[in-house]
Amino acid sequence: MSSTTALPGYREIRATLIERDRSLRRENLRVKALTLNEIKADEILRRIRADEEATIWKEEHASIPHPFPGMEFLTGEYLDRI
């Protein structure tokens, strides 16, 4: 079997394996057990978070010098000031 004919078979087996692995992950088991109300609540929270990300965290605000107080420690900017 040449490599040109083996490649599509490999890709199909690989895709199947990846899909199976993802289906067995712990977070997928929890998602499958959600009630309809929990699914709706999750969708609402995701929309709110996406809106906050676009309107709060990605914009520059003149009244807020740094939107993440204390972040300098985590990013190492504090050490640059010393």
PDB file of N, CA and C in Angstrom:
ATOM      1  N   MET A   1       0.853  -1.180   0.000  1.00  0.00           N
ATOM      2  CA  MET A   1       0.000   0.000   0.000  1.00  0.00           C
ATOM      3  C   MET A   1       0.895   1.239   0.000  1.00  0.00           C
ATOM      4  N   SER A   2       0.639   2.135  -0.930  1.00  0.00           N
ATOM      5  CA  SER A   2       1.459   3.339  -1.005  1.00  0.00           C
ATOM      6  C   SER A   2       0.999   4.363   0.017  1.00  0.00           C
ATOM      7  N   SER A   3       1.830   5.364   0.247  1.00  0.00           N
ATOM      8  CA  SER A   3       1.510   6.372   1.255  1.00  0.00           C
ATOM      9  C   SER A   3       0.331   7.241   0.823  1.00  0.00           C
ATOM     10  N   THR A   4       0.100   7.375  -0.494  1.00  0.00           N
ATOM     11  CA  THR A   4      -1.020   8.204  -0.954  1.00  0.00           C
ATOM     12  C   THR A   4      -2.361   7.532  -0.696  1.00  0.00           C
ATOM     13  N   THR A   5      -2.401   6.217  -0.686  1.00  0.00           N
ATOM     14  CA  THR A   5      -3.662   5.527  -0.402  1.00  0.00           C
ATOM     15  C   THR A   5      -3.843   5.304   1.086  1.00  0.00           C
ATOM     16  N   ALA A   6      -2.772   5.272   1.832  1.00  0.00           N
ATOM     17  CA  ALA A   6      -2.865   5.044   3.272  1.00  0.00           C
ATOM     18  C   ALA A   6      -3.273   6.309   4.025  1.00  0.00           C
ATOM     19  N   LEU A   7      -2.963   7.457   3.489  1.00  0.00           N
ATOM     20  CA  LEU A   7      -3.224   8.712   4.186  1.00  0.00           C
ATOM     21  C   LEU A   7      -4.708   8.950   4.479  1.00  0.00           C
ATOM     22  N   PRO A   8      -5.626   8.787   3.528  1.00  0.00           N
ATOM     23  CA  PRO A   8      -7.044   8.986   3.861  1.00  0.00           C
ATOM     24  C   PRO A   8      -7.537   8.020   4.944  1.00  0.00           C
ATOM     25  N   GLY A   9      -7.096   6.781   4.905  1.00  0.00           N
ATOM     26  CA  GLY A   9      -7.479   5.818   5.945  1.00  0.00           C
ATOM     27  C   GLY A   9      -6.952   6.223   7.309  1.00  0.00           C
ATOM     28  N   TYR A  10      -5.721   6.698   7.332  1.00  0.00           N
ATOM     29  CA  TYR A  10      -5.118   7.169   8.584  1.00  0.00           C
ATOM     30  C   TYR A  10      -5.909   8.334   9.148  1.00  0.00           C
ATOM     31  N   ARG A  11      -6.259   9.291   8.298  1.00  0.00           N
ATOM     32  CA  ARG A  11      -6.992  10.476   8.756  1.00  0.00           C
ATOM     33  C   ARG A  11      -8.354  10.094   9.319  1.00  0.00           C
ATOM     34  N   GLU A  12      -9.021   9.134   8.681  1.00  0.00           N
ATOM     35  CA  GLU A  12     -10.325   8.695   9.165  1.00  0.00           C
ATOM     36  C   GLU A  12     -10.208   8.014  10.528  1.00  0.00           C
ATOM     37  N   ILE A  13      -9.232   7.141  10.675  1.00  0.00           N
ATOM     38  CA  ILE A  13      -9.010   6.461  11.961  1.00  0.00           C
ATOM     39  C   ILE A  13      -8.636   7.473  13.037  1.00  0.00           C
ATOM     40  N   ARG A  14      -7.790   8.426  12.675  1.00  0.00           N
ATOM     41  CA  ARG A  14      -7.357   9.459  13.629  1.00  0.00           C
ATOM     42  C   ARG A  14      -8.539  10.306  14.086  1.00  0.00           C
ATOM     43  N   ALA A  15      -9.389  10.730  13.141  1.00  0.00           N
ATOM     44  CA  ALA A  15     -10.550  11.552  13.482  1.00  0.00           C
ATOM     45  C   ALA A  15     -11.508  10.783  14.396  1.00  0.00           C
ATOM     46  N   THR A  16     -11.688   9.507  14.125  1.00  0.00           N
ATOM     47  CA  THR A  16     -12.553   8.670  14.962  1.00  0.00           C
ATOM     48  C   THR A  16     -11.989   8.553  16.368  1.00  0.00           C
ATOM     49  N   LEU A  17     -10.692   8.344  16.467  1.00  0.00           N
ATOM     50  CA  LEU A  17     -10.036   8.225  17.766  1.00  0.00           C
ATOM     51  C   LEU A  17     -10.147   9.526  18.565  1.00  0.00           C
ATOM     52  N   ILE A  18      -9.939  10.653  17.914  1.00  0.00           N
ATOM     53  CA  ILE A  18     -10.036  11.955  18.590  1.00  0.00           C
ATOM     54  C   ILE A  18     -11.463  12.187  19.077  1.00  0.00           C
ATOM     55  N   GLU A  19     -12.448  11.874  18.237  1.00  0.00           N
ATOM     56  CA  GLU A  19     -13.850  12.043  18.631  1.00  0.00           C
ATOM     57  C   GLU A  19     -14.193  11.155  19.822  1.00  0.00           C
ATOM     58  N   ARG A  20     -13.726   9.925  19.802  1.00  0.00           N
ATOM     59  CA  ARG A  20     -13.996   9.002  20.913  1.00  0.00           C
ATOM     60  C   ARG A  20     -13.343   9.509  22.204  1.00  0.00           C
ATOM     61  N   ASP A  21     -12.095   9.966  22.097  1.00  0.00           N
ATOM     62  CA  ASP A  21     -11.393  10.482  23.264  1.00  0.00           C
ATOM     63  C   ASP A  21     -12.139  11.673  23.858  1.00  0.00           C
ATOM     64  N   ARG A  22     -12.571  12.596  23.016  1.00  0.00           N
ATOM     65  CA  ARG A  22     -13.290  13.772  23.499  1.00  0.00           C
ATOM     66  C   ARG A  22     -14.616  13.393  24.150  1.00  0.00           C
ATOM     67  N   SER A  23     -15.282  12.373  23.626  1.00  0.00           N
ATOM     68  CA  SER A  23     -16.568  11.972  24.196  1.00  0.00           C
ATOM     69  C   SER A  23     -16.416  11.354  25.581  1.00  0.00           C
ATOM     70  N   LEU A  24     -15.243  10.840  25.899  1.00  0.00           N
ATOM     71  CA  LEU A  24     -15.017  10.200  27.185  1.00  0.00           C
ATOM     72  C   LEU A  24     -14.502  11.156  28.263  1.00  0.00           C
ATOM     73  N   ARG A  25     -14.240  12.385  27.885  1.00  0.00           N
ATOM     74  CA  ARG A  25     -13.703  13.351  28.850  1.00  0.00           C
ATOM     75  C   ARG A  25     -14.739  13.709  29.901  1.00  0.00           C
ATOM     76  N   ARG A  26     -14.256  13.994  31.083  1.00  0.00           N
ATOM     77  CA  ARG A  26     -15.109  14.272  32.242  1.00  0.00           C
ATOM     78  C   ARG A  26     -16.089  15.419  32.000  1.00  0.00           C
ATOM     79  N   GLU A  27     -15.642  16.489  31.354  1.00  0.00           N
ATOM     80  CA  GLU A  27     -16.529  17.633  31.155  1.00  0.00           C
ATOM     81  C   GLU A  27     -17.707  17.280  30.241  1.00  0.00           C
ATOM     82  N   ASN A  28     -17.537  16.348  29.342  1.00  0.00           N
ATOM     83  CA  ASN A  28     -18.638  15.945  28.474  1.00  0.00           C
ATOM     84  C   ASN A  28     -19.683  15.140  29.233  1.00  0.00           C
ATOM     85  N   LEU A  29     -19.285  14.381  30.213  1.00  0.00           N
ATOM     86  CA  LEU A  29     -20.240  13.625  31.007  1.00  0.00           C
ATOM     87  C   LEU A  29     -21.159  14.565  31.781  1.00  0.00           C
ATOM     88  N   ARG A  30     -20.598  15.653  32.308  1.00  0.00           N
ATOM     89  CA  ARG A  30     -21.389  16.627  33.055  1.00  0.00           C
ATOM     90  C   ARG A  30     -22.366  17.334  32.130  1.00  0.00           C
ATOM     91  N   VAL A  31     -21.922  17.702  30.938  1.00  0.00           N
ATOM     92  CA  VAL A  31     -22.769  18.428  29.993  1.00  0.00           C
ATOM     93  C   VAL A  31     -23.953  17.563  29.559  1.00  0.00           C
ATOM     94  N   LYS A  32     -23.735  16.281  29.385  1.00  0.00           N
ATOM     95  CA  LYS A  32     -24.812  15.382  28.967  1.00  0.00           C
ATOM     96  C   LYS A  32     -25.892  15.245  30.039  1.00  0.00           C
ATOM     97  N   ALA A  33     -25.561  15.529  31.289  1.00  0.00           N
ATOM     98  CA  ALA A  33     -26.510  15.355  32.390  1.00  0.00           C
ATOM     99  C   ALA A  33     -27.270  16.642  32.737  1.00  0.00           C
ATOM    100  N   LEU A  34     -27.045  17.720  32.004  1.00  0.00           N
ATOM    101  CA  LEU A  34     -27.700  18.991  32.316  1.00  0.00           C
ATOM    102  C   LEU A  34     -29.181  18.949  31.984  1.00  0.00           C
ATOM    103  N   THR A  35     -29.960  19.651  32.804  1.00  0.00           N
ATOM    104  CA  THR A  35     -31.387  19.792  32.520  1.00  0.00           C
ATOM    105  C   THR A  35     -31.568  20.896  31.479  1.00  0.00           C
ATOM    106  N   LEU A  36     -32.768  21.013  30.943  1.00  0.00           N
ATOM    107  CA  LEU A  36     -33.058  22.045  29.953  1.00  0.00           C
ATOM    108  C   LEU A  36     -32.843  23.443  30.541  1.00  0.00           C
ATOM    109  N   ASN A  37     -33.251  23.646  31.789  1.00  0.00           N
ATOM    110  CA  ASN A  37     -33.053  24.945  32.444  1.00  0.00           C
ATOM    111  C   ASN A  37     -31.567  25.243  32.643  1.00  0.00           C
ATOM    112  N   GLU A  38     -30.781  24.236  32.960  1.00  0.00           N
ATOM    113  CA  GLU A  38     -29.343  24.439  33.134  1.00  0.00           C
ATOM    114  C   GLU A  38     -28.684  24.795  31.802  1.00  0.00           C
ATOM    115  N   ILE A  39     -29.126  24.189  30.743  1.00  0.00           N
ATOM    116  CA  ILE A  39     -28.589  24.502  29.415  1.00  0.00           C
ATOM    117  C   ILE A  39     -28.913  25.946  29.049  1.00  0.00           C
ATOM    118  N   LYS A  40     -30.161  26.373  29.298  1.00  0.00           N
ATOM    119  CA  LYS A  40     -30.563  27.757  29.018  1.00  0.00           C
ATOM    120  C   LYS A  40     -29.752  28.740  29.866  1.00  0.00           C
ATOM    121  N   ALA A  41     -29.560  28.426  31.140  1.00  0.00           N
ATOM    122  CA  ALA A  41     -28.781  29.296  32.023  1.00  0.00           C
ATOM    123  C   ALA A  41     -27.335  29.404  31.540  1.00  0.00           C
ATOM    124  N   ASP A  42     -26.768  28.300  31.105  1.00  0.00           N
ATOM    125  CA  ASP A  42     -25.402  28.307  30.589  1.00  0.00           C
ATOM    126  C   ASP A  42     -25.299  29.191  29.347  1.00  0.00           C
ATOM    127  N   GLU A  43     -26.275  29.101  28.453  1.00  0.00           N
ATOM    128  CA  GLU A  43     -26.275  29.940  27.256  1.00  0.00           C
ATOM    129  C   GLU A  43     -26.365  31.416  27.618  1.00  0.00           C
ATOM    130  N   ILE A  44     -27.202  31.751  28.593  1.00  0.00           N
ATOM    131  CA  ILE A  44     -27.342  33.139  29.033  1.00  0.00           C
ATOM    132  C   ILE A  44     -26.032  33.654  29.615  1.00  0.00           C
ATOM    133  N   LEU A  45     -25.410  32.868  30.486  1.00  0.00           N
ATOM    134  CA  LEU A  45     -24.133  33.288  31.084  1.00  0.00           C
ATOM    135  C   LEU A  45     -23.050  33.452  30.034  1.00  0.00           C
ATOM    136  N   ARG A  46     -23.002  32.567  29.069  1.00  0.00           N
ATOM    137  CA  ARG A  46     -21.994  32.679  28.002  1.00  0.00           C
ATOM    138  C   ARG A  46     -22.203  33.946  27.188  1.00  0.00           C
ATOM    139  N   ARG A  47     -23.462  34.308  26.915  1.00  0.00           N
ATOM    140  CA  ARG A  47     -23.734  35.551  26.187  1.00  0.00           C
ATOM    141  C   ARG A  47     -23.325  36.766  27.011  1.00  0.00           C
ATOM    142  N   ILE A  48     -23.631  36.756  28.312  1.00  0.00           N
ATOM    143  CA  ILE A  48     -23.249  37.868  29.191  1.00  0.00           C
ATOM    144  C   ILE A  48     -21.728  38.006  29.231  1.00  0.00           C
ATOM    145  N   ARG A  49     -21.024  36.893  29.392  1.00  0.00           N
ATOM    146  CA  ARG A  49     -19.558  36.938  29.454  1.00  0.00           C
ATOM    147  C   ARG A  49     -18.960  37.426  28.141  1.00  0.00           C
ATOM    148  N   ALA A  50     -19.524  37.004  27.013  1.00  0.00           N
ATOM    149  CA  ALA A  50     -19.024  37.460  25.714  1.00  0.00           C
ATOM    150  C   ALA A  50     -19.248  38.959  25.563  1.00  0.00           C
ATOM    151  N   ASP A  51     -20.415  39.447  26.021  1.00  0.00           N
ATOM    152  CA  ASP A  51     -20.705  40.874  25.963  1.00  0.00           C
ATOM    153  C   ASP A  51     -19.755  41.661  26.854  1.00  0.00           C
ATOM    154  N   GLU A  52     -19.496  41.166  28.067  1.00  0.00           N
ATOM    155  CA  GLU A  52     -18.555  41.831  28.974  1.00  0.00           C
ATOM    156  C   GLU A  52     -17.159  41.859  28.371  1.00  0.00           C
ATOM    157  N   GLU A  53     -16.773  40.774  27.762  1.00  0.00           N
ATOM    158  CA  GLU A  53     -15.438  40.719  27.157  1.00  0.00           C
ATOM    159  C   GLU A  53     -15.292  41.788  26.078  1.00  0.00           C
ATOM    160  N   ALA A  54     -16.330  41.946  25.259  1.00  0.00           N
ATOM    161  CA  ALA A  54     -16.264  42.911  24.168  1.00  0.00           C
ATOM    162  C   ALA A  54     -16.423  44.351  24.638  1.00  0.00           C
ATOM    163  N   THR A  55     -17.240  44.585  25.668  1.00  0.00           N
ATOM    164  CA  THR A  55     -17.544  45.962  26.057  1.00  0.00           C
ATOM    165  C   THR A  55     -16.768  46.467  27.261  1.00  0.00           C
ATOM    166  N   ILE A  56     -16.226  45.583  28.069  1.00  0.00           N
ATOM    167  CA  ILE A  56     -15.517  46.014  29.280  1.00  0.00           C
ATOM    168  C   ILE A  56     -14.030  45.715  29.196  1.00  0.00           C
ATOM    169  N   TRP A  57     -13.698  44.463  28.999  1.00  0.00           N
ATOM    170  CA  TRP A  57     -12.303  44.052  29.141  1.00  0.00           C
ATOM    171  C   TRP A  57     -11.434  44.383  27.941  1.00  0.00           C
ATOM    172  N   LYS A  58     -12.017  44.567  26.772  1.00  0.00           N
ATOM    173  CA  LYS A  58     -11.200  44.864  25.589  1.00  0.00           C
ATOM    174  C   LYS A  58     -11.113  46.350  25.287  1.00  0.00           C
ATOM    175  N   GLU A  59     -11.888  47.161  25.964  1.00  0.00           N
ATOM    176  CA  GLU A  59     -11.889  48.592  25.702  1.00  0.00           C
ATOM    177  C   GLU A  59     -11.002  49.337  26.690  1.00  0.00           C
ATOM    178  N   GLU A  60     -10.498  50.469  26.250  1.00  0.00           N
ATOM    179  CA  GLU A  60      -9.739  51.359  27.121  1.00  0.00           C
ATOM    180  C   GLU A  60     -10.715  52.309  27.796  1.00  0.00           C
ATOM    181  N   HIS A  61     -10.600  52.486  29.103  1.00  0.00           N
ATOM    182  CA  HIS A  61     -11.462  53.399  29.851  1.00  0.00           C
ATOM    183  C   HIS A  61     -10.587  54.442  30.530  1.00  0.00           C
ATOM    184  N   ALA A  62     -10.866  55.700  30.265  1.00  0.00           N
ATOM    185  CA  ALA A  62     -10.063  56.783  30.827  1.00  0.00           C
ATOM    186  C   ALA A  62     -10.151  56.828  32.348  1.00  0.00           C
ATOM    187  N   SER A  63     -11.281  56.418  32.901  1.00  0.00           N
ATOM    188  CA  SER A  63     -11.465  56.475  34.353  1.00  0.00           C
ATOM    189  C   SER A  63     -10.853  55.265  35.067  1.00  0.00           C
ATOM    190  N   ILE A  64     -10.414  54.266  34.323  1.00  0.00           N
ATOM    191  CA  ILE A  64      -9.834  53.069  34.933  1.00  0.00           C
ATOM    192  C   ILE A  64      -8.399  52.917  34.420  1.00  0.00           C
ATOM    193  N   PRO A  65      -7.417  53.249  35.269  1.00  0.00           N
ATOM    194  CA  PRO A  65      -6.031  53.171  34.805  1.00  0.00           C
ATOM    195  C   PRO A  65      -5.591  51.743  34.474  1.00  0.00           C
ATOM    196  N   HIS A  66      -6.097  50.798  35.198  1.00  0.00           N
ATOM    197  CA  HIS A  66      -5.741  49.404  34.934  1.00  0.00           C
ATOM    198  C   HIS A  66      -6.932  48.536  35.311  1.00  0.00           C
ATOM    199  N   PRO A  67      -7.568  47.883  34.350  1.00  0.00           N
ATOM    200  CA  PRO A  67      -8.789  47.129  34.656  1.00  0.00           C
ATOM    201  C   PRO A  67      -8.568  45.884  35.512  1.00  0.00           C
ATOM    202  N   PHE A  68      -7.331  45.447  35.637  1.00  0.00           N
ATOM    203  CA  PHE A  68      -7.025  44.257  36.422  1.00  0.00           C
ATOM    204  C   PHE A  68      -6.071  44.614  37.553  1.00  0.00           C
ATOM    205  N   PRO A  69      -6.565  45.172  38.662  1.00  0.00           N
ATOM    206  CA  PRO A  69      -5.674  45.538  39.761  1.00  0.00           C
ATOM    207  C   PRO A  69      -4.887  44.324  40.243  1.00  0.00           C
ATOM    208  N   GLY A  70      -3.608  44.515  40.427  1.00  0.00           N
ATOM    209  CA  GLY A  70      -2.758  43.429  40.893  1.00  0.00           C
ATOM    210  C   GLY A  70      -2.184  42.589  39.771  1.00  0.00           C
ATOM    211  N   MET A  71      -2.632  42.819  38.555  1.00  0.00           N
ATOM    212  CA  MET A  71      -2.172  42.021  37.427  1.00  0.00           C
ATOM    213  C   MET A  71      -0.683  42.257  37.151  1.00  0.00           C
ATOM    214  N   GLU A  72      -0.178  43.403  37.546  1.00  0.00           N
ATOM    215  CA  GLU A  72       1.236  43.681  37.313  1.00  0.00           C
ATOM    216  C   GLU A  72       2.114  42.606  37.950  1.00  0.00           C
ATOM    217  N   PHE A  73       1.686  42.121  39.105  1.00  0.00           N
ATOM    218  CA  PHE A  73       2.449  41.072  39.771  1.00  0.00           C
ATOM    219  C   PHE A  73       2.507  39.828  38.905  1.00  0.00           C
ATOM    220  N   LEU A  74       1.364  39.441  38.334  1.00  0.00           N
ATOM    221  CA  LEU A  74       1.301  38.222  37.532  1.00  0.00           C
ATOM    222  C   LEU A  74       2.029  38.351  36.207  1.00  0.00           C
ATOM    223  N   THR A  75       2.056  39.543  35.639  1.00  0.00           N
ATOM    224  CA  THR A  75       2.690  39.722  34.331  1.00  0.00           C
ATOM    225  C   THR A  75       4.154  40.145  34.441  1.00  0.00           C
ATOM    226  N   GLY A  76       4.607  40.422  35.634  1.00  0.00           N
ATOM    227  CA  GLY A  76       6.002  40.798  35.822  1.00  0.00           C
ATOM    228  C   GLY A  76       6.272  42.267  35.590  1.00  0.00           C
ATOM    229  N   GLU A  77       5.230  43.068  35.339  1.00  0.00           N
ATOM    230  CA  GLU A  77       5.452  44.492  35.095  1.00  0.00           C
ATOM    231  C   GLU A  77       5.978  45.185  36.351  1.00  0.00           C
ATOM    232  N   TYR A  78       5.619  44.683  37.516  1.00  0.00           N
ATOM    233  CA  TYR A  78       6.080  45.274  38.762  1.00  0.00           C
ATOM    234  C   TYR A  78       7.593  45.248  38.840  1.00  0.00           C
ATOM    235  N   LEU A  79       8.192  44.143  38.416  1.00  0.00           N
ATOM    236  CA  LEU A  79       9.657  44.009  38.488  1.00  0.00           C
ATOM    237  C   LEU A  79      10.347  44.992  37.564  1.00  0.00           C
ATOM    238  N   ASP A  80       9.702  45.374  36.477  1.00  0.00           N
ATOM    239  CA  ASP A  80      10.292  46.345  35.553  1.00  0.00           C
ATOM    240  C   ASP A  80      10.356  47.725  36.162  1.00  0.00           C
ATOM    241  N   ARG A  81       9.517  48.013  37.154  1.00  0.00           N
ATOM    242  CA  ARG A  81       9.463  49.334  37.767  1.00  0.00           C
ATOM    243  C   ARG A  81      10.507  49.509  38.874  1.00  0.00           C
ATOM    244  N   ILE A  82      11.054  48.407  39.358  1.00  0.00           N
ATOM    245  CA  ILE A  82      11.995  48.477  40.478  1.00  0.00           C
ATOM    246  C   ILE A  82      13.355  48.937  39.986  1.00  0.00           C
TER     247      ILE A  82
END
